[in-house]
Full PDB file with SEQRES, HELIX, SHEET, SSBOND, CRYST1, ORIGX, SCALE, CONECT and MASTER records, all heavy atoms in Angstrom:
SEQRES   1 A   35  LEU TYR ASP LEU CYS PHE LEU ASP GLY ALA LYS GLN ASP          
SEQRES   2 A   35  ASN VAL ALA LEU MET ARG LEU CYS ILE GLU ARG THR ARG          
SEQRES   3 A   35  ALA GLY GLY VAL ILE LEU VAL ASP ASN                          
HELIX    1 AA1 LYS A   11  ASP A   13  5                                   3    
HELIX    2 AA2 ASN A   14  ARG A   24  1                                  11    
SHEET    1 AA1 2 TYR A   2  LEU A   7  0                                        
SHEET    2 AA1 2 THR A  25  VAL A  33  1                                        
CRYST1    1.000    1.000    1.000  90.00  90.00  90.00 P 1           1          
ORIGX1      1.000000  0.000000  0.000000        0.00000                         
ORIGX2      0.000000  1.000000  0.000000        0.00000                         
ORIGX3      0.000000  0.000000  1.000000        0.00000                         
SCALE1      1.000000  0.000000  0.000000        0.00000                         
SCALE2      0.000000  1.000000  0.000000        0.00000                         
SCALE3      0.000000  0.000000  1.000000        0.00000                         
ATOM      1  N   LEU A   1      -5.339  -4.475  -2.705  1.00  0.00           N  
ATOM      2  CA  LEU A   1      -5.032  -3.620  -1.576  1.00  0.00           C  
ATOM      3  C   LEU A   1      -4.245  -4.393  -0.526  1.00  0.00           C  
ATOM      4  O   LEU A   1      -4.514  -5.568  -0.282  1.00  0.00           O  
ATOM      5  CB  LEU A   1      -6.312  -3.081  -0.951  1.00  0.00           C  
ATOM      6  CG  LEU A   1      -7.114  -2.090  -1.789  1.00  0.00           C  
ATOM      7  CD1 LEU A   1      -8.444  -1.793  -1.118  1.00  0.00           C  
ATOM      8  CD2 LEU A   1      -6.324  -0.794  -1.948  1.00  0.00           C  
ATOM      9  N   TYR A   2      -3.301  -3.683   0.099  1.00  0.00           N  
ATOM     10  CA  TYR A   2      -2.522  -4.264   1.178  1.00  0.00           C  
ATOM     11  C   TYR A   2      -3.100  -3.824   2.523  1.00  0.00           C  
ATOM     12  O   TYR A   2      -3.695  -2.752   2.643  1.00  0.00           O  
ATOM     13  CB  TYR A   2      -1.059  -3.824   1.076  1.00  0.00           C  
ATOM     14  CG  TYR A   2      -0.346  -4.425  -0.114  1.00  0.00           C  
ATOM     15  CD1 TYR A   2      -0.151  -3.676  -1.275  1.00  0.00           C  
ATOM     16  CD2 TYR A   2       0.130  -5.729  -0.073  1.00  0.00           C  
ATOM     17  CE1 TYR A   2       0.498  -4.228  -2.372  1.00  0.00           C  
ATOM     18  CE2 TYR A   2       0.783  -6.290  -1.161  1.00  0.00           C  
ATOM     19  CZ  TYR A   2       0.970  -5.532  -2.315  1.00  0.00           C  
ATOM     20  OH  TYR A   2       1.604  -6.087  -3.395  1.00  0.00           O  
ATOM     21  N   ASP A   3      -2.879  -4.684   3.508  1.00  0.00           N  
ATOM     22  CA  ASP A   3      -3.281  -4.343   4.870  1.00  0.00           C  
ATOM     23  C   ASP A   3      -2.176  -3.592   5.596  1.00  0.00           C  
ATOM     24  O   ASP A   3      -2.447  -2.767   6.475  1.00  0.00           O  
ATOM     25  CB  ASP A   3      -3.605  -5.616   5.662  1.00  0.00           C  
ATOM     26  CG  ASP A   3      -4.715  -6.421   5.022  1.00  0.00           C  
ATOM     27  OD1 ASP A   3      -5.836  -5.902   4.955  1.00  0.00           O  
ATOM     28  OD2 ASP A   3      -4.445  -7.553   4.580  1.00  0.00           O  
ATOM     29  N   LEU A   4      -0.936  -3.885   5.227  1.00  0.00           N  
ATOM     30  CA  LEU A   4       0.212  -3.255   5.882  1.00  0.00           C  
ATOM     31  C   LEU A   4       1.343  -3.115   4.882  1.00  0.00           C  
ATOM     32  O   LEU A   4       1.644  -4.045   4.129  1.00  0.00           O  
ATOM     33  CB  LEU A   4       0.671  -4.094   7.086  1.00  0.00           C  
ATOM     34  CG  LEU A   4       1.765  -3.503   7.980  1.00  0.00           C  
ATOM     35  CD1 LEU A   4       1.585  -3.982   9.432  1.00  0.00           C  
ATOM     36  CD2 LEU A   4       3.165  -3.883   7.490  1.00  0.00           C  
ATOM     37  N   CYS A   5       1.965  -1.945   4.868  1.00  0.00           N  
ATOM     38  CA  CYS A   5       3.160  -1.702   4.057  1.00  0.00           C  
ATOM     39  C   CYS A   5       4.297  -1.315   4.992  1.00  0.00           C  
ATOM     40  O   CYS A   5       4.103  -0.518   5.915  1.00  0.00           O  
ATOM     41  CB  CYS A   5       2.928  -0.570   3.057  1.00  0.00           C  
ATOM     42  SG  CYS A   5       1.650  -0.918   1.823  1.00  0.00           S  
ATOM     43  N   PHE A   6       5.471  -1.869   4.729  1.00  0.00           N  
ATOM     44  CA  PHE A   6       6.642  -1.595   5.563  1.00  0.00           C  
ATOM     45  C   PHE A   6       7.767  -1.107   4.666  1.00  0.00           C  
ATOM     46  O   PHE A   6       8.236  -1.829   3.777  1.00  0.00           O  
ATOM     47  CB  PHE A   6       7.066  -2.859   6.304  1.00  0.00           C  
ATOM     48  CG  PHE A   6       8.317  -2.710   7.134  1.00  0.00           C  
ATOM     49  CD1 PHE A   6       8.430  -1.692   8.071  1.00  0.00           C  
ATOM     50  CD2 PHE A   6       9.383  -3.586   6.980  1.00  0.00           C  
ATOM     51  CE1 PHE A   6       9.585  -1.545   8.845  1.00  0.00           C  
ATOM     52  CE2 PHE A   6      10.535  -3.461   7.739  1.00  0.00           C  
ATOM     53  CZ  PHE A   6      10.638  -2.437   8.673  1.00  0.00           C  
ATOM     54  N   LEU A   7       8.205   0.139   4.893  1.00  0.00           N  
ATOM     55  CA  LEU A   7       9.241   0.753   4.072  1.00  0.00           C  
ATOM     56  C   LEU A   7      10.557   0.767   4.824  1.00  0.00           C  
ATOM     57  O   LEU A   7      10.702   1.441   5.839  1.00  0.00           O  
ATOM     58  CB  LEU A   7       8.840   2.182   3.688  1.00  0.00           C  
ATOM     59  CG  LEU A   7       7.498   2.327   2.950  1.00  0.00           C  
ATOM     60  CD1 LEU A   7       7.248   3.778   2.586  1.00  0.00           C  
ATOM     61  CD2 LEU A   7       7.445   1.435   1.717  1.00  0.00           C  
ATOM     62  N   ASP A   8      11.530   0.027   4.305  1.00  0.00           N  
ATOM     63  CA  ASP A   8      12.835  -0.071   4.945  1.00  0.00           C  
ATOM     64  C   ASP A   8      13.925  -0.135   3.881  1.00  0.00           C  
ATOM     65  O   ASP A   8      14.861  -0.931   3.967  1.00  0.00           O  
ATOM     66  CB  ASP A   8      12.893  -1.307   5.849  1.00  0.00           C  
ATOM     67  CG  ASP A   8      14.106  -1.291   6.771  1.00  0.00           C  
ATOM     68  OD1 ASP A   8      14.707  -0.214   6.947  1.00  0.00           O  
ATOM     69  OD2 ASP A   8      14.457  -2.366   7.308  1.00  0.00           O  
ATOM     70  N   GLY A   9      13.767   0.707   2.860  1.00  0.00           N  
ATOM     71  CA  GLY A   9      14.760   0.785   1.795  1.00  0.00           C  
ATOM     72  C   GLY A   9      15.477   2.119   1.838  1.00  0.00           C  
ATOM     73  O   GLY A   9      15.753   2.654   2.916  1.00  0.00           O  
ATOM     74  N   ALA A  10      15.779   2.673   0.677  1.00  0.00           N  
ATOM     75  CA  ALA A  10      16.457   3.968   0.582  1.00  0.00           C  
ATOM     76  C   ALA A  10      15.531   5.055   1.112  1.00  0.00           C  
ATOM     77  O   ALA A  10      14.428   5.258   0.584  1.00  0.00           O  
ATOM     78  CB  ALA A  10      16.857   4.257  -0.861  1.00  0.00           C  
ATOM     79  N   LYS A  11      15.969   5.751   2.138  1.00  0.00           N  
ATOM     80  CA  LYS A  11      15.099   6.731   2.807  1.00  0.00           C  
ATOM     81  C   LYS A  11      14.782   7.919   1.908  1.00  0.00           C  
ATOM     82  O   LYS A  11      13.733   8.557   2.063  1.00  0.00           O  
ATOM     83  CB  LYS A  11      15.736   7.213   4.115  1.00  0.00           C  
ATOM     84  CG  LYS A  11      16.286   6.101   5.007  1.00  0.00           C  
ATOM     85  CD  LYS A  11      15.290   4.990   5.258  1.00  0.00           C  
ATOM     86  CE  LYS A  11      15.932   3.850   6.031  1.00  0.00           C  
ATOM     87  NZ  LYS A  11      15.076   2.655   6.100  1.00  0.00           N  
ATOM     88  N   GLN A  12      15.666   8.208   0.982  1.00  0.00           N  
ATOM     89  CA  GLN A  12      15.406   9.334   0.089  1.00  0.00           C  
ATOM     90  C   GLN A  12      14.205   9.068  -0.833  1.00  0.00           C  
ATOM     91  O   GLN A  12      13.652   9.990  -1.416  1.00  0.00           O  
ATOM     92  CB  GLN A  12      16.647   9.643  -0.747  1.00  0.00           C  
ATOM     93  CG  GLN A  12      17.131   8.485  -1.599  1.00  0.00           C  
ATOM     94  CD  GLN A  12      18.485   8.756  -2.208  1.00  0.00           C  
ATOM     95  OE1 GLN A  12      18.671   9.742  -2.934  1.00  0.00           O  
ATOM     96  NE2 GLN A  12      19.455   7.909  -1.914  1.00  0.00           N  
ATOM     97  N   ASP A  13      13.805   7.798  -0.935  1.00  0.00           N  
ATOM     98  CA  ASP A  13      12.648   7.437  -1.766  1.00  0.00           C  
ATOM     99  C   ASP A  13      11.348   7.364  -0.965  1.00  0.00           C  
ATOM    100  O   ASP A  13      10.295   7.071  -1.535  1.00  0.00           O  
ATOM    101  CB  ASP A  13      12.881   6.075  -2.430  1.00  0.00           C  
ATOM    102  CG  ASP A  13      14.042   6.082  -3.408  1.00  0.00           C  
ATOM    103  OD1 ASP A  13      14.399   7.178  -3.888  1.00  0.00           O  
ATOM    104  OD2 ASP A  13      14.584   4.990  -3.687  1.00  0.00           O  
ATOM    105  N   ASN A  14      11.404   7.610   0.322  1.00  0.00           N  
ATOM    106  CA  ASN A  14      10.257   7.311   1.177  1.00  0.00           C  
ATOM    107  C   ASN A  14       8.994   8.085   0.826  1.00  0.00           C  
ATOM    108  O   ASN A  14       7.898   7.523   0.863  1.00  0.00           O  
ATOM    109  CB  ASN A  14      10.613   7.537   2.650  1.00  0.00           C  
ATOM    110  CG  ASN A  14      11.269   6.317   3.279  1.00  0.00           C  
ATOM    111  OD1 ASN A  14      11.244   5.225   2.719  1.00  0.00           O  
ATOM    112  ND2 ASN A  14      11.867   6.509   4.441  1.00  0.00           N  
ATOM    113  N   VAL A  15       9.115   9.366   0.506  1.00  0.00           N  
ATOM    114  CA  VAL A  15       7.902  10.137   0.212  1.00  0.00           C  
ATOM    115  C   VAL A  15       7.224   9.584  -1.041  1.00  0.00           C  
ATOM    116  O   VAL A  15       6.002   9.369  -1.053  1.00  0.00           O  
ATOM    117  CB  VAL A  15       8.204  11.632   0.055  1.00  0.00           C  
ATOM    118  CG1 VAL A  15       6.981  12.372  -0.492  1.00  0.00           C  
ATOM    119  CG2 VAL A  15       8.607  12.244   1.394  1.00  0.00           C  
ATOM    120  N   ALA A  16       8.001   9.332  -2.080  1.00  0.00           N  
ATOM    121  CA  ALA A  16       7.425   8.767  -3.301  1.00  0.00           C  
ATOM    122  C   ALA A  16       6.805   7.401  -3.023  1.00  0.00           C  
ATOM    123  O   ALA A  16       5.724   7.074  -3.527  1.00  0.00           O  
ATOM    124  CB  ALA A  16       8.497   8.650  -4.387  1.00  0.00           C  
ATOM    125  N   LEU A  17       7.467   6.595  -2.205  1.00  0.00           N  
ATOM    126  CA  LEU A  17       6.941   5.271  -1.871  1.00  0.00           C  
ATOM    127  C   LEU A  17       5.694   5.376  -0.995  1.00  0.00           C  
ATOM    128  O   LEU A  17       4.757   4.580  -1.141  1.00  0.00           O  
ATOM    129  CB  LEU A  17       8.004   4.437  -1.176  1.00  0.00           C  
ATOM    130  CG  LEU A  17       9.143   3.950  -2.073  1.00  0.00           C  
ATOM    131  CD1 LEU A  17      10.273   3.358  -1.236  1.00  0.00           C  
ATOM    132  CD2 LEU A  17       8.632   2.918  -3.082  1.00  0.00           C  
ATOM    133  N   MET A  18       5.668   6.342  -0.096  1.00  0.00           N  
ATOM    134  CA  MET A  18       4.475   6.529   0.732  1.00  0.00           C  
ATOM    135  C   MET A  18       3.271   6.886  -0.139  1.00  0.00           C  
ATOM    136  O   MET A  18       2.161   6.407   0.117  1.00  0.00           O  
ATOM    137  CB  MET A  18       4.728   7.602   1.785  1.00  0.00           C  
ATOM    138  CG  MET A  18       5.702   7.164   2.879  1.00  0.00           C  
ATOM    139  SD  MET A  18       6.144   8.504   4.015  1.00  0.00           S  
ATOM    140  CE  MET A  18       4.629   8.629   4.969  1.00  0.00           C  
ATOM    141  N   ARG A  19       3.481   7.708  -1.148  1.00  0.00           N  
ATOM    142  CA  ARG A  19       2.384   8.049  -2.062  1.00  0.00           C  
ATOM    143  C   ARG A  19       1.870   6.785  -2.767  1.00  0.00           C  
ATOM    144  O   ARG A  19       0.652   6.582  -2.895  1.00  0.00           O  
ATOM    145  CB  ARG A  19       2.844   9.074  -3.088  1.00  0.00           C  
ATOM    146  CG  ARG A  19       3.190  10.451  -2.511  1.00  0.00           C  
ATOM    147  CD  ARG A  19       3.581  11.413  -3.617  1.00  0.00           C  
ATOM    148  NE  ARG A  19       4.128  12.647  -3.121  1.00  0.00           N  
ATOM    149  CZ  ARG A  19       3.417  13.681  -2.695  1.00  0.00           C  
ATOM    150  NH1 ARG A  19       2.082  13.615  -2.724  1.00  0.00           N  
ATOM    151  NH2 ARG A  19       4.006  14.784  -2.263  1.00  0.00           N  
ATOM    152  N   LEU A  20       2.805   5.949  -3.214  1.00  0.00           N  
ATOM    153  CA  LEU A  20       2.411   4.702  -3.875  1.00  0.00           C  
ATOM    154  C   LEU A  20       1.690   3.770  -2.906  1.00  0.00           C  
ATOM    155  O   LEU A  20       0.723   3.096  -3.283  1.00  0.00           O  
ATOM    156  CB  LEU A  20       3.648   4.004  -4.444  1.00  0.00           C  
ATOM    157  CG  LEU A  20       4.318   4.679  -5.642  1.00  0.00           C  
ATOM    158  CD1 LEU A  20       5.677   4.042  -5.924  1.00  0.00           C  
ATOM    159  CD2 LEU A  20       3.423   4.583  -6.876  1.00  0.00           C  
ATOM    160  N   CYS A  21       2.144   3.744  -1.666  1.00  0.00           N  
ATOM    161  CA  CYS A  21       1.521   2.867  -0.671  1.00  0.00           C  
ATOM    162  C   CYS A  21       0.131   3.351  -0.284  1.00  0.00           C  
ATOM    163  O   CYS A  21      -0.767   2.534  -0.034  1.00  0.00           O  
ATOM    164  CB  CYS A  21       2.409   2.751   0.562  1.00  0.00           C  
ATOM    165  SG  CYS A  21       3.886   1.734   0.305  1.00  0.00           S  
ATOM    166  N   ILE A  22      -0.052   4.648  -0.215  1.00  0.00           N  
ATOM    167  CA  ILE A  22      -1.382   5.195   0.094  1.00  0.00           C  
ATOM    168  C   ILE A  22      -2.402   4.683  -0.918  1.00  0.00           C  
ATOM    169  O   ILE A  22      -3.524   4.297  -0.570  1.00  0.00           O  
ATOM    170  CB  ILE A  22      -1.344   6.733   0.118  1.00  0.00           C  
ATOM    171  CG1 ILE A  22      -0.632   7.222   1.393  1.00  0.00           C  
ATOM    172  CG2 ILE A  22      -2.762   7.313   0.049  1.00  0.00           C  
ATOM    173  CD1 ILE A  22      -0.372   8.715   1.425  1.00  0.00           C  
ATOM    174  N   GLU A  23      -2.004   4.626  -2.180  1.00  0.00           N  
ATOM    175  CA  GLU A  23      -2.894   4.150  -3.238  1.00  0.00           C  
ATOM    176  C   GLU A  23      -3.180   2.656  -3.118  1.00  0.00           C  
ATOM    177  O   GLU A  23      -4.196   2.172  -3.638  1.00  0.00           O  
ATOM    178  CB  GLU A  23      -2.270   4.422  -4.608  1.00  0.00           C  
ATOM    179  CG  GLU A  23      -2.043   5.890  -4.925  1.00  0.00           C  
ATOM    180  CD  GLU A  23      -1.239   6.076  -6.201  1.00  0.00           C  
ATOM    181  OE1 GLU A  23      -0.842   5.048  -6.803  1.00  0.00           O  
ATOM    182  OE2 GLU A  23      -1.004   7.231  -6.597  1.00  0.00           O  
ATOM    183  N   ARG A  24      -2.291   1.934  -2.427  1.00  0.00           N  
ATOM    184  CA  ARG A  24      -2.376   0.464  -2.399  1.00  0.00           C  
ATOM    185  C   ARG A  24      -2.730  -0.098  -1.028  1.00  0.00           C  
ATOM    186  O   ARG A  24      -2.694  -1.311  -0.843  1.00  0.00           O  
ATOM    187  CB  ARG A  24      -1.031  -0.118  -2.881  1.00  0.00           C  
ATOM    188  CG  ARG A  24      -0.808   0.090  -4.360  1.00  0.00           C  
ATOM    189  CD  ARG A  24       0.645  -0.077  -4.768  1.00  0.00           C  
ATOM    190  NE  ARG A  24       0.764   0.021  -6.217  1.00  0.00           N  
ATOM    191  CZ  ARG A  24       0.742   1.173  -6.881  1.00  0.00           C  
ATOM    192  NH1 ARG A  24       0.626   2.321  -6.202  1.00  0.00           N  
ATOM    193  NH2 ARG A  24       0.837   1.195  -8.193  1.00  0.00           N  
ATOM    194  N   THR A  25      -3.040   0.761  -0.080  1.00  0.00           N  
ATOM    195  CA  THR A  25      -3.358   0.322   1.280  1.00  0.00           C  
ATOM    196  C   THR A  25      -4.837   0.567   1.564  1.00  0.00           C  
ATOM    197  O   THR A  25      -5.360   1.644   1.292  1.00  0.00           O  
ATOM    198  CB  THR A  25      -2.504   1.084   2.311  1.00  0.00           C  
ATOM    199  OG1 THR A  25      -1.120   0.889   2.005  1.00  0.00           O  
ATOM    200  CG2 THR A  25      -2.779   0.584   3.724  1.00  0.00           C  
ATOM    201  N   ARG A  26      -5.487  -0.439   2.119  1.00  0.00           N  
ATOM    202  CA  ARG A  26      -6.921  -0.307   2.428  1.00  0.00           C  
ATOM    203  C   ARG A  26      -7.148   0.710   3.533  1.00  0.00           C  
ATOM    204  O   ARG A  26      -6.250   0.995   4.338  1.00  0.00           O  
ATOM    205  CB  ARG A  26      -7.479  -1.656   2.875  1.00  0.00           C  
ATOM    206  CG  ARG A  26      -6.912  -2.164   4.201  1.00  0.00           C  
ATOM    207  CD  ARG A  26      -7.739  -3.309   4.749  1.00  0.00           C  
ATOM    208  NE  ARG A  26      -7.139  -3.947   5.915  1.00  0.00           N  
ATOM    209  CZ  ARG A  26      -7.272  -3.526   7.173  1.00  0.00           C  
ATOM    210  NH1 ARG A  26      -7.960  -2.426   7.438  1.00  0.00           N  
ATOM    211  NH2 ARG A  26      -6.706  -4.188   8.176  1.00  0.00           N  
ATOM    212  N   ALA A  27      -8.341   1.269   3.579  1.00  0.00           N  
ATOM    213  CA  ALA A  27      -8.715   2.146   4.683  1.00  0.00           C  
ATOM    214  C   ALA A  27      -8.600   1.374   5.986  1.00  0.00           C  
ATOM    215  O   ALA A  27      -9.068   0.244   6.097  1.00  0.00           O  
ATOM    216  CB  ALA A  27     -10.138   2.660   4.492  1.00  0.00           C  
ATOM    217  N   GLY A  28      -7.946   1.961   6.964  1.00  0.00           N  
ATOM    218  CA  GLY A  28      -7.703   1.297   8.227  1.00  0.00           C  
ATOM    219  C   GLY A  28      -6.431   0.477   8.241  1.00  0.00           C  
ATOM    220  O   GLY A  28      -6.015  -0.015   9.291  1.00  0.00           O  
ATOM    221  N   GLY A  29      -5.803   0.329   7.079  1.00  0.00           N  
ATOM    222  CA  GLY A  29      -4.519  -0.353   6.998  1.00  0.00           C  
ATOM    223  C   GLY A  29      -3.408   0.549   7.503  1.00  0.00           C  
ATOM    224  O   GLY A  29      -3.623   1.726   7.831  1.00  0.00           O  
ATOM    225  N   VAL A  30      -2.197   0.000   7.537  1.00  0.00           N  
ATOM    226  CA  VAL A  30      -1.081   0.693   8.165  1.00  0.00           C  
ATOM    227  C   VAL A  30       0.120   0.758   7.228  1.00  0.00           C  
ATOM    228  O   VAL A  30       0.435  -0.211   6.532  1.00  0.00           O  
ATOM    229  CB  VAL A  30      -0.669  -0.026   9.478  1.00  0.00           C  
ATOM    230  CG1 VAL A  30       0.578   0.611  10.079  1.00  0.00           C  
ATOM    231  CG2 VAL A  30      -1.810   0.028  10.482  1.00  0.00           C  
ATOM    232  N   ILE A  31       0.781   1.913   7.226  1.00  0.00           N  
ATOM    233  CA  ILE A  31       2.050   2.094   6.527  1.00  0.00           C  
ATOM    234  C   ILE A  31       3.105   2.396   7.585  1.00  0.00           C  
ATOM    235  O   ILE A  31       2.966   3.369   8.346  1.00  0.00           O  
ATOM    236  CB  ILE A  31       1.980   3.249   5.508  1.00  0.00           C  
ATOM    237  CG1 ILE A  31       0.892   2.974   4.454  1.00  0.00           C  
ATOM    238  CG2 ILE A  31       3.339   3.454   4.834  1.00  0.00           C  
ATOM    239  CD1 ILE A  31       0.580   4.173   3.578  1.00  0.00           C  
ATOM    240  N   LEU A  32       4.127   1.565   7.658  1.00  0.00           N  
ATOM    241  CA  LEU A  32       5.223   1.757   8.606  1.00  0.00           C  
ATOM    242  C   LEU A  32       6.470   2.184   7.855  1.00  0.00           C  
ATOM    243  O   LEU A  32       6.837   1.570   6.847  1.00  0.00           O  
ATOM    244  CB  LEU A  32       5.524   0.451   9.355  1.00  0.00           C  
ATOM    245  CG  LEU A  32       4.389  -0.201  10.156  1.00  0.00           C  
ATOM    246  CD1 LEU A  32       4.869  -1.513  10.753  1.00  0.00           C  
ATOM    247  CD2 LEU A  32       3.892   0.747  11.240  1.00  0.00           C  
ATOM    248  N   VAL A  33       7.120   3.224   8.347  1.00  0.00           N  
ATOM    249  CA  VAL A  33       8.373   3.696   7.763  1.00  0.00           C  
ATOM    250  C   VAL A  33       9.466   3.536   8.813  1.00  0.00           C  
ATOM    251  O   VAL A  33       9.399   4.139   9.889  1.00  0.00           O  
ATOM    252  CB  VAL A  33       8.263   5.164   7.309  1.00  0.00           C  
ATOM    253  CG1 VAL A  33       9.560   5.596   6.616  1.00  0.00           C  
ATOM    254  CG2 VAL A  33       7.072   5.350   6.366  1.00  0.00           C  
ATOM    255  N   ASP A  34      10.461   2.726   8.502  1.00  0.00           N  
ATOM    256  CA  ASP A  34      11.484   2.399   9.488  1.00  0.00           C  
ATOM    257  C   ASP A  34      12.554   3.478   9.581  1.00  0.00           C  
ATOM    258  O   ASP A  34      12.700   4.317   8.696  1.00  0.00           O  
ATOM    259  CB  ASP A  34      12.126   1.061   9.130  1.00  0.00           C  
ATOM    260  CG  ASP A  34      12.745   0.368  10.340  1.00  0.00           C  
ATOM    261  OD1 ASP A  34      12.348   0.696  11.473  1.00  0.00           O  
ATOM    262  OD2 ASP A  34      13.629  -0.487  10.155  1.00  0.00           O  
ATOM    263  N   ASN A  35      13.309   3.431  10.675  1.00  0.00           N  
ATOM    264  CA  ASN A  35      14.448   4.329  10.921  1.00  0.00           C  
ATOM    265  C   ASN A  35      14.039   5.795  10.956  1.00  0.00           C  
ATOM    266  O   ASN A  35      14.733   6.663  10.414  1.00  0.00           O  
ATOM    267  CB  ASN A  35      15.557   4.121   9.882  1.00  0.00           C  
ATOM    268  CG  ASN A  35      16.026   2.680   9.814  1.00  0.00           C  
ATOM    269  OD1 ASN A  35      15.827   2.013   8.801  1.00  0.00           O  
ATOM    270  ND2 ASN A  35      16.625   2.199  10.886  1.00  0.00           N  
TER     271      ASN A  35                                                      
MASTER        0    0    0    2    2    0    0    6  270    1    0    3          
END                                                                             
């Protein structure tokens, strides 16, 4: 599990990546989506 995920790649992939990050982020952890 990750404590923090930061998404700053192709924005068209963000929803799919957010789903993957939700599975890999601990409760109370943070997912940041840039731009």
